[in-house]
Amino acid sequence: MEIIINYKPYNKQKKFHNSKKKFRAFIGGLGSGKTLAGSIEAIRTMIKYPNTMGAILAPTYPLLRDSTIRTMLEWMPRKLIKSYNRTEQHLTLINGAECIFRPCDDINSIDRLRNIQLGWGWIDEASLTPEYVYRVIIGRLRDKKGPMNLWVTTTPKGFNWIWEKWVNKPTKNHYMVTSSSRENKYLPKDYVPMLQAEYTGVFAKQEIEGEFVGFEGLVYPDFSRNIHVKPMKHIIENGRIVGVDI
């Protein structure tokens, strides 16, 4: 059966798809095509690996339903779908590949994943989910019929576990693509200028440029862990530890 998906990825999406690393991340600003890239990766994986099960997760059920699932089903060729149970949030293709959808704000739902084996997993808007979800999923990646990999797509939200895993202390298995909103050539022409007119400072760097930054309202907005955090010995005088705040 010939399968045609009319998807034309731009440069950063191509890099994301072409990586062979076990843990991939697409970090980008608003409208940078993160969820679309994640959806296409899921569709391709289900087509390539029959009779396997994957899990797709998002921070809340409304976000999962209105963005993640909606995007994936819009791009999934209808002739490939055997069944889709909306109540169980369970998708099955004609080749036997399965996918379950779960919101991450329901810890009991996440814990139930401990009882199954997964061939792959995807966490959409991962910066809004707890690291616990990531740990549970990677512990289930043991179905040898699948690629046994995990990808995350998200806009950054400060120096959280995403930053720790993919920026601060990545392993040889981790790979990250970053993209600003302006790099997606398929956006409406006035979209990015509209964001630039409304967003400023740190918030603009995060939401438009897709950068890992601090938060608005910080006492020291220019603070950088890479620049300003240095190892130092305790200064002890007369039995006291001295600290300096300048």
C-alpha atoms as a PDB file:
ATOM      1  CA  MET A   1       0.000   0.000   0.000  1.00  0.00           C
ATOM      2  CA  GLU A   2       1.419   3.362  -1.024  1.00  0.00           C
ATOM      3  CA  ILE A   3       1.281   5.919   1.784  1.00  0.00           C
ATOM      4  CA  ILE A   4       1.650   9.608   0.908  1.00  0.00           C
ATOM      5  CA  ILE A   5       1.806  12.267   3.624  1.00  0.00           C
ATOM      6  CA  ASN A   6       1.992  15.782   2.200  1.00  0.00           C
ATOM      7  CA  TYR A   7       4.430  17.001   4.827  1.00  0.00           C
ATOM      8  CA  LYS A   8       7.266  19.331   3.882  1.00  0.00           C
ATOM      9  CA  PRO A   9       9.426  19.894   6.950  1.00  0.00           C
ATOM     10  CA  TYR A  10      11.601  22.976   7.217  1.00  0.00           C
ATOM     11  CA  ASN A  11      15.277  22.682   8.174  1.00  0.00           C
ATOM     12  CA  LYS A  12      14.937  22.234  11.945  1.00  0.00           C
ATOM     13  CA  GLN A  13      12.140  19.701  11.593  1.00  0.00           C
ATOM     14  CA  LYS A  14      14.322  17.722   9.169  1.00  0.00           C
ATOM     15  CA  LYS A  15      17.162  17.635  11.700  1.00  0.00           C
ATOM     16  CA  PHE A  16      14.788  16.386  14.367  1.00  0.00           C
ATOM     17  CA  HIS A  17      13.429  13.591  12.172  1.00  0.00           C
ATOM     18  CA  ASN A  18      16.848  12.540  10.868  1.00  0.00           C
ATOM     19  CA  SER A  19      18.458  12.077  14.264  1.00  0.00           C
ATOM     20  CA  LYS A  20      18.992   8.462  15.320  1.00  0.00           C
ATOM     21  CA  LYS A  21      19.456   9.265  19.008  1.00  0.00           C
ATOM     22  CA  LYS A  22      17.356   7.425  21.572  1.00  0.00           C
ATOM     23  CA  PHE A  23      16.119  10.599  23.304  1.00  0.00           C
ATOM     24  CA  ARG A  24      15.316  13.551  21.048  1.00  0.00           C
ATOM     25  CA  ALA A  25      13.956  16.987  21.874  1.00  0.00           C
ATOM     26  CA  PHE A  26      12.429  19.659  19.634  1.00  0.00           C
ATOM     27  CA  ILE A  27      12.583  22.895  21.629  1.00  0.00           C
ATOM     28  CA  GLY A  28      10.990  25.885  19.973  1.00  0.00           C
ATOM     29  CA  GLY A  29       9.002  29.060  20.204  1.00  0.00           C
ATOM     30  CA  LEU A  30       5.294  29.425  19.562  1.00  0.00           C
ATOM     31  CA  GLY A  31       4.284  28.194  16.117  1.00  0.00           C
ATOM     32  CA  SER A  32       7.640  26.570  15.425  1.00  0.00           C
ATOM     33  CA  GLY A  33       5.979  23.315  14.352  1.00  0.00           C
ATOM     34  CA  LYS A  34       6.874  21.249  17.419  1.00  0.00           C
ATOM     35  CA  THR A  35       3.612  19.348  17.765  1.00  0.00           C
ATOM     36  CA  LEU A  36       3.429  18.760  14.026  1.00  0.00           C
ATOM     37  CA  ALA A  37       6.951  17.317  13.998  1.00  0.00           C
ATOM     38  CA  GLY A  38       6.085  15.107  16.960  1.00  0.00           C
ATOM     39  CA  SER A  39       2.889  13.921  15.260  1.00  0.00           C
ATOM     40  CA  ILE A  40       4.612  13.059  11.995  1.00  0.00           C
ATOM     41  CA  GLU A  41       7.297  11.172  13.908  1.00  0.00           C
ATOM     42  CA  ALA A  42       4.582   9.168  15.678  1.00  0.00           C
ATOM     43  CA  ILE A  43       2.758   8.388  12.427  1.00  0.00           C
ATOM     44  CA  ARG A  44       5.942   7.293  10.682  1.00  0.00           C
ATOM     45  CA  THR A  45       6.925   5.138  13.651  1.00  0.00           C
ATOM     46  CA  MET A  46       3.545   3.394  13.698  1.00  0.00           C
ATOM     47  CA  ILE A  47       3.788   2.710   9.967  1.00  0.00           C
ATOM     48  CA  LYS A  48       7.365   1.422  10.177  1.00  0.00           C
ATOM     49  CA  TYR A  49       6.901  -0.770  13.270  1.00  0.00           C
ATOM     50  CA  PRO A  50       3.732  -2.914  13.057  1.00  0.00           C
ATOM     51  CA  ASN A  51       2.332  -4.743  16.086  1.00  0.00           C
ATOM     52  CA  THR A  52       3.987  -2.369  18.549  1.00  0.00           C
ATOM     53  CA  MET A  53       2.516   0.004  21.116  1.00  0.00           C
ATOM     54  CA  GLY A  54       3.481   3.597  21.738  1.00  0.00           C
ATOM     55  CA  ALA A  55       2.340   6.222  24.239  1.00  0.00           C
ATOM     56  CA  ILE A  56       1.639   9.894  23.554  1.00  0.00           C
ATOM     57  CA  LEU A  57       1.358  12.228  26.512  1.00  0.00           C
ATOM     58  CA  ALA A  58       0.556  15.889  27.137  1.00  0.00           C
ATOM     59  CA  PRO A  59       0.275  17.983  30.339  1.00  0.00           C
ATOM     60  CA  THR A  60      -3.553  18.032  30.553  1.00  0.00           C
ATOM     61  CA  TYR A  61      -6.458  16.297  28.876  1.00  0.00           C
ATOM     62  CA  PRO A  62      -7.740  19.493  27.138  1.00  0.00           C
ATOM     63  CA  LEU A  63      -4.274  20.128  25.654  1.00  0.00           C
ATOM     64  CA  LEU A  64      -3.954  16.473  24.672  1.00  0.00           C
ATOM     65  CA  ARG A  65      -7.395  16.486  23.024  1.00  0.00           C
ATOM     66  CA  ASP A  66      -7.351  19.924  21.396  1.00  0.00           C
ATOM     67  CA  SER A  67      -3.751  20.049  20.175  1.00  0.00           C
ATOM     68  CA  THR A  68      -1.775  16.809  20.292  1.00  0.00           C
ATOM     69  CA  ILE A  69      -4.425  14.281  19.230  1.00  0.00           C
ATOM     70  CA  ARG A  70      -6.100  16.706  16.858  1.00  0.00           C
ATOM     71  CA  THR A  71      -2.850  17.416  15.011  1.00  0.00           C
ATOM     72  CA  MET A  72      -1.934  13.757  14.769  1.00  0.00           C
ATOM     73  CA  LEU A  73      -5.335  12.670  13.448  1.00  0.00           C
ATOM     74  CA  GLU A  74      -5.358  15.510  10.915  1.00  0.00           C
ATOM     75  CA  TRP A  75      -2.176  14.107   9.378  1.00  0.00           C
ATOM     76  CA  MET A  76      -2.850  10.373   9.824  1.00  0.00           C
ATOM     77  CA  PRO A  77      -4.012   8.820   6.511  1.00  0.00           C
ATOM     78  CA  ARG A  78      -7.556   7.563   7.137  1.00  0.00           C
ATOM     79  CA  LYS A  79      -6.978   4.322   5.234  1.00  0.00           C
ATOM     80  CA  LEU A  80      -4.389   3.316   7.849  1.00  0.00           C
ATOM     81  CA  ILE A  81      -6.777   3.545  10.808  1.00  0.00           C
ATOM     82  CA  LYS A  82      -8.432   0.337  11.949  1.00  0.00           C
ATOM     83  CA  SER A  83     -10.093   1.844  15.015  1.00  0.00           C
ATOM     84  CA  TYR A  84      -9.975   4.833  17.332  1.00  0.00           C
ATOM     85  CA  ASN A  85     -11.658   4.526  20.727  1.00  0.00           C
ATOM     86  CA  ARG A  86     -12.218   8.059  22.021  1.00  0.00           C
ATOM     87  CA  THR A  87     -13.301   6.835  25.458  1.00  0.00           C
ATOM     88  CA  GLU A  88     -10.188   4.726  25.968  1.00  0.00           C
ATOM     89  CA  GLN A  89      -8.036   7.113  23.895  1.00  0.00           C
ATOM     90  CA  HIS A  90      -6.652   4.131  22.001  1.00  0.00           C
ATOM     91  CA  LEU A  91      -5.668   4.207  18.324  1.00  0.00           C
ATOM     92  CA  THR A  92      -5.040   1.046  16.278  1.00  0.00           C
ATOM     93  CA  LEU A  93      -3.766   0.888  12.701  1.00  0.00           C
ATOM     94  CA  ILE A  94      -4.437  -1.839  10.157  1.00  0.00           C
ATOM     95  CA  ASN A  95      -0.860  -3.126  10.570  1.00  0.00           C
ATOM     96  CA  GLY A  96      -1.454  -3.816  14.261  1.00  0.00           C
ATOM     97  CA  ALA A  97       0.452  -0.779  15.554  1.00  0.00           C
ATOM     98  CA  GLU A  98      -1.226   0.763  18.596  1.00  0.00           C
ATOM     99  CA  CYS A  99      -1.011   4.067  20.397  1.00  0.00           C
ATOM    100  CA  ILE A 100      -2.473   5.220  23.700  1.00  0.00           C
ATOM    101  CA  PHE A 101      -2.979   8.852  24.705  1.00  0.00           C
ATOM    102  CA  ARG A 102      -2.587   9.965  28.340  1.00  0.00           C
ATOM    103  CA  PRO A 103      -2.752  13.313  30.196  1.00  0.00           C
ATOM    104  CA  CYS A 104       0.119  13.849  32.613  1.00  0.00           C
ATOM    105  CA  ASP A 105      -1.922  15.591  35.309  1.00  0.00           C
ATOM    106  CA  ASP A 106      -3.458  12.216  36.178  1.00  0.00           C
ATOM    107  CA  ILE A 107      -0.649  10.417  38.014  1.00  0.00           C
ATOM    108  CA  ASN A 108      -2.747   7.268  38.390  1.00  0.00           C
ATOM    109  CA  SER A 109      -3.080   7.107  34.612  1.00  0.00           C
ATOM    110  CA  ILE A 110       0.678   7.477  34.232  1.00  0.00           C
ATOM    111  CA  ASP A 111       1.365   4.827  36.849  1.00  0.00           C
ATOM    112  CA  ARG A 112      -0.809   2.358  34.943  1.00  0.00           C
ATOM    113  CA  LEU A 113       1.731   2.548  32.128  1.00  0.00           C
ATOM    114  CA  ARG A 114       4.067   0.587  34.386  1.00  0.00           C
ATOM    115  CA  ASN A 115       2.136  -2.554  33.462  1.00  0.00           C
ATOM    116  CA  ILE A 116       2.811  -2.405  29.717  1.00  0.00           C
ATOM    117  CA  GLN A 117       5.767  -2.551  27.359  1.00  0.00           C
ATOM    118  CA  LEU A 118       6.260   0.302  24.932  1.00  0.00           C
ATOM    119  CA  GLY A 119       8.057   0.432  21.623  1.00  0.00           C
ATOM    120  CA  TRP A 120       8.226   4.240  21.662  1.00  0.00           C
ATOM    121  CA  GLY A 121       6.922   7.338  23.435  1.00  0.00           C
ATOM    122  CA  TRP A 122       6.291  11.044  22.846  1.00  0.00           C
ATOM    123  CA  ILE A 123       5.680  13.803  25.414  1.00  0.00           C
ATOM    124  CA  ASP A 124       4.177  16.974  23.927  1.00  0.00           C
ATOM    125  CA  GLU A 125       4.733  20.296  25.772  1.00  0.00           C
ATOM    126  CA  ALA A 126       7.030  18.323  28.033  1.00  0.00           C
ATOM    127  CA  SER A 127       8.197  21.383  29.995  1.00  0.00           C
ATOM    128  CA  LEU A 128       4.755  21.503  31.616  1.00  0.00           C
ATOM    129  CA  THR A 129       4.979  17.892  32.784  1.00  0.00           C
ATOM    130  CA  PRO A 130       6.851  16.545  35.848  1.00  0.00           C
ATOM    131  CA  GLU A 131      10.109  14.683  35.366  1.00  0.00           C
ATOM    132  CA  TYR A 132       8.372  11.689  36.963  1.00  0.00           C
ATOM    133  CA  VAL A 133       6.500  11.112  33.698  1.00  0.00           C
ATOM    134  CA  TYR A 134       9.755  10.969  31.734  1.00  0.00           C
ATOM    135  CA  ARG A 135      11.188   8.451  34.176  1.00  0.00           C
ATOM    136  CA  VAL A 136       8.133   6.206  34.000  1.00  0.00           C
ATOM    137  CA  ILE A 137       8.111   6.198  30.201  1.00  0.00           C
ATOM    138  CA  ILE A 138      11.785   5.411  29.676  1.00  0.00           C
ATOM    139  CA  GLY A 139      11.357   2.495  32.075  1.00  0.00           C
ATOM    140  CA  ARG A 140       8.703   1.033  29.745  1.00  0.00           C
ATOM    141  CA  LEU A 141      10.728   1.271  26.520  1.00  0.00           C
ATOM    142  CA  ARG A 142      11.534  -2.401  26.158  1.00  0.00           C
ATOM    143  CA  ASP A 143       9.421  -3.745  23.285  1.00  0.00           C
ATOM    144  CA  LYS A 144      12.102  -4.972  20.869  1.00  0.00           C
ATOM    145  CA  LYS A 145       9.677  -4.856  17.966  1.00  0.00           C
ATOM    146  CA  GLY A 146       9.818  -1.060  18.151  1.00  0.00           C
ATOM    147  CA  PRO A 147      12.673   1.486  18.095  1.00  0.00           C
ATOM    148  CA  MET A 148      12.457   1.869  21.897  1.00  0.00           C
ATOM    149  CA  ASN A 149      13.018   5.620  21.761  1.00  0.00           C
ATOM    150  CA  LEU A 150      11.400   8.730  23.223  1.00  0.00           C
ATOM    151  CA  TRP A 151      11.011  12.242  21.889  1.00  0.00           C
ATOM    152  CA  VAL A 152       9.758  15.418  23.532  1.00  0.00           C
ATOM    153  CA  THR A 153       8.423  18.593  21.953  1.00  0.00           C
ATOM    154  CA  THR A 154       8.011  21.784  23.939  1.00  0.00           C
ATOM    155  CA  THR A 155       8.476  25.484  24.427  1.00  0.00           C
ATOM    156  CA  PRO A 156      11.043  25.893  27.233  1.00  0.00           C
ATOM    157  CA  LYS A 157       9.882  26.940  30.688  1.00  0.00           C
ATOM    158  CA  GLY A 158      12.964  27.979  32.620  1.00  0.00           C
ATOM    159  CA  PHE A 159      15.753  25.757  33.893  1.00  0.00           C
ATOM    160  CA  ASN A 160      13.686  22.647  34.560  1.00  0.00           C
ATOM    161  CA  TRP A 161      14.337  18.950  33.933  1.00  0.00           C
ATOM    162  CA  ILE A 162      14.245  19.429  30.167  1.00  0.00           C
ATOM    163  CA  TRP A 163      17.136  21.874  30.432  1.00  0.00           C
ATOM    164  CA  GLU A 164      18.954  19.539  32.807  1.00  0.00           C
ATOM    165  CA  LYS A 165      18.605  16.485  30.507  1.00  0.00           C
ATOM    166  CA  TRP A 166      19.227  18.062  27.106  1.00  0.00           C
ATOM    167  CA  VAL A 167      21.352  21.148  27.848  1.00  0.00           C
ATOM    168  CA  ASN A 168      23.169  20.951  31.149  1.00  0.00           C
ATOM    169  CA  LYS A 169      24.037  17.262  31.380  1.00  0.00           C
ATOM    170  CA  PRO A 170      23.077  15.465  28.157  1.00  0.00           C
ATOM    171  CA  THR A 171      24.281  11.924  27.552  1.00  0.00           C
ATOM    172  CA  LYS A 172      25.440  10.459  24.246  1.00  0.00           C
ATOM    173  CA  ASN A 173      21.839   9.281  23.765  1.00  0.00           C
ATOM    174  CA  HIS A 174      20.349  12.785  23.928  1.00  0.00           C
ATOM    175  CA  TYR A 175      19.864  15.107  20.946  1.00  0.00           C
ATOM    176  CA  MET A 176      18.199  18.521  20.835  1.00  0.00           C
ATOM    177  CA  VAL A 177      16.970  20.793  18.059  1.00  0.00           C
ATOM    178  CA  THR A 178      16.066  24.395  18.887  1.00  0.00           C
ATOM    179  CA  SER A 179      13.996  26.692  16.716  1.00  0.00           C
ATOM    180  CA  SER A 180      12.550  30.172  16.997  1.00  0.00           C
ATOM    181  CA  SER A 181       9.066  31.027  15.798  1.00  0.00           C
ATOM    182  CA  ARG A 182      10.537  33.025  12.916  1.00  0.00           C
ATOM    183  CA  GLU A 183      12.190  29.925  11.389  1.00  0.00           C
ATOM    184  CA  ASN A 184       8.885  28.313  10.460  1.00  0.00           C
ATOM    185  CA  LYS A 185       8.319  29.608   6.926  1.00  0.00           C
ATOM    186  CA  TYR A 186       4.766  28.241   6.878  1.00  0.00           C
ATOM    187  CA  LEU A 187       3.426  30.659   9.504  1.00  0.00           C
ATOM    188  CA  PRO A 188       1.186  33.585   8.464  1.00  0.00           C
ATOM    189  CA  LYS A 189       3.344  36.596   7.570  1.00  0.00           C
ATOM    190  CA  ASP A 190       1.948  38.773  10.351  1.00  0.00           C
ATOM    191  CA  TYR A 191       2.186  36.114  13.101  1.00  0.00           C
ATOM    192  CA  VAL A 192       5.742  36.706  14.348  1.00  0.00           C
ATOM    193  CA  PRO A 193       5.494  40.540  14.068  1.00  0.00           C
ATOM    194  CA  MET A 194       2.325  40.343  16.164  1.00  0.00           C
ATOM    195  CA  LEU A 195       4.170  38.352  18.858  1.00  0.00           C
ATOM    196  CA  GLN A 196       7.084  40.786  18.779  1.00  0.00           C
ATOM    197  CA  ALA A 197       4.722  43.690  19.330  1.00  0.00           C
ATOM    198  CA  GLU A 198       3.144  42.019  22.374  1.00  0.00           C
ATOM    199  CA  TYR A 199       6.033  40.092  23.972  1.00  0.00           C
ATOM    200  CA  THR A 200       9.134  41.718  25.427  1.00  0.00           C
ATOM    201  CA  GLY A 201      12.160  40.850  27.534  1.00  0.00           C
ATOM    202  CA  VAL A 202      12.630  37.408  28.964  1.00  0.00           C
ATOM    203  CA  PHE A 203       9.130  36.296  27.962  1.00  0.00           C
ATOM    204  CA  ALA A 204       9.856  37.084  24.300  1.00  0.00           C
ATOM    205  CA  LYS A 205      13.111  35.117  24.400  1.00  0.00           C
ATOM    206  CA  GLN A 206      11.238  32.124  25.770  1.00  0.00           C
ATOM    207  CA  GLU A 207       8.037  32.221  23.710  1.00  0.00           C
ATOM    208  CA  ILE A 208       9.434  33.478  20.387  1.00  0.00           C
ATOM    209  CA  GLU A 209      13.086  32.461  20.334  1.00  0.00           C
ATOM    210  CA  GLY A 210      12.580  29.188  22.210  1.00  0.00           C
ATOM    211  CA  GLU A 211      15.407  29.946  24.646  1.00  0.00           C
ATOM    212  CA  PHE A 212      15.890  28.556  28.131  1.00  0.00           C
ATOM    213  CA  VAL A 213      15.700  31.657  30.323  1.00  0.00           C
ATOM    214  CA  GLY A 214      14.590  32.658  33.800  1.00  0.00           C
ATOM    215  CA  PHE A 215      11.203  34.176  34.520  1.00  0.00           C
ATOM    216  CA  GLU A 216       9.769  37.691  34.320  1.00  0.00           C
ATOM    217  CA  GLY A 217      10.117  39.632  37.542  1.00  0.00           C
ATOM    218  CA  LEU A 218      13.440  38.167  38.649  1.00  0.00           C
ATOM    219  CA  VAL A 219      15.508  40.433  40.897  1.00  0.00           C
ATOM    220  CA  TYR A 220      18.500  39.704  38.658  1.00  0.00           C
ATOM    221  CA  PRO A 221      17.062  39.172  35.144  1.00  0.00           C
ATOM    222  CA  ASP A 222      20.539  38.902  33.567  1.00  0.00           C
ATOM    223  CA  PHE A 223      21.535  36.036  35.847  1.00  0.00           C
ATOM    224  CA  SER A 224      22.954  33.026  34.006  1.00  0.00           C
ATOM    225  CA  ARG A 225      23.881  29.729  35.620  1.00  0.00           C
ATOM    226  CA  ASN A 226      26.610  29.135  33.052  1.00  0.00           C
ATOM    227  CA  ILE A 227      28.222  32.528  33.643  1.00  0.00           C
ATOM    228  CA  HIS A 228      27.599  33.383  37.275  1.00  0.00           C
ATOM    229  CA  VAL A 229      27.607  30.030  39.080  1.00  0.00           C
ATOM    230  CA  LYS A 230      31.194  29.103  39.955  1.00  0.00           C
ATOM    231  CA  PRO A 231      32.653  26.568  42.394  1.00  0.00           C
ATOM    232  CA  MET A 232      34.160  28.144  45.508  1.00  0.00           C
ATOM    233  CA  LYS A 233      35.434  27.140  48.906  1.00  0.00           C
ATOM    234  CA  HIS A 234      33.694  28.140  52.093  1.00  0.00           C
ATOM    235  CA  ILE A 235      35.188  31.188  53.729  1.00  0.00           C
ATOM    236  CA  ILE A 236      35.477  30.497  57.434  1.00  0.00           C
ATOM    237  CA  GLU A 237      36.500  33.079  59.986  1.00  0.00           C
ATOM    238  CA  ASN A 238      36.011  32.782  63.716  1.00  0.00           C
ATOM    239  CA  GLY A 239      33.897  29.717  63.202  1.00  0.00           C
ATOM    240  CA  ARG A 240      31.438  31.441  60.869  1.00  0.00           C
ATOM    241  CA  ILE A 241      30.583  30.852  57.239  1.00  0.00           C
ATOM    242  CA  VAL A 242      30.574  34.129  55.372  1.00  0.00           C
ATOM    243  CA  GLY A 243      28.365  34.783  52.327  1.00  0.00           C
ATOM    244  CA  VAL A 244      28.335  37.836  50.100  1.00  0.00           C
ATOM    245  CA  ASP A 245      25.382  39.118  48.064  1.00  0.00           C
ATOM    246  CA  ILE A 246      26.366  41.844  45.596  1.00  0.00           C
END
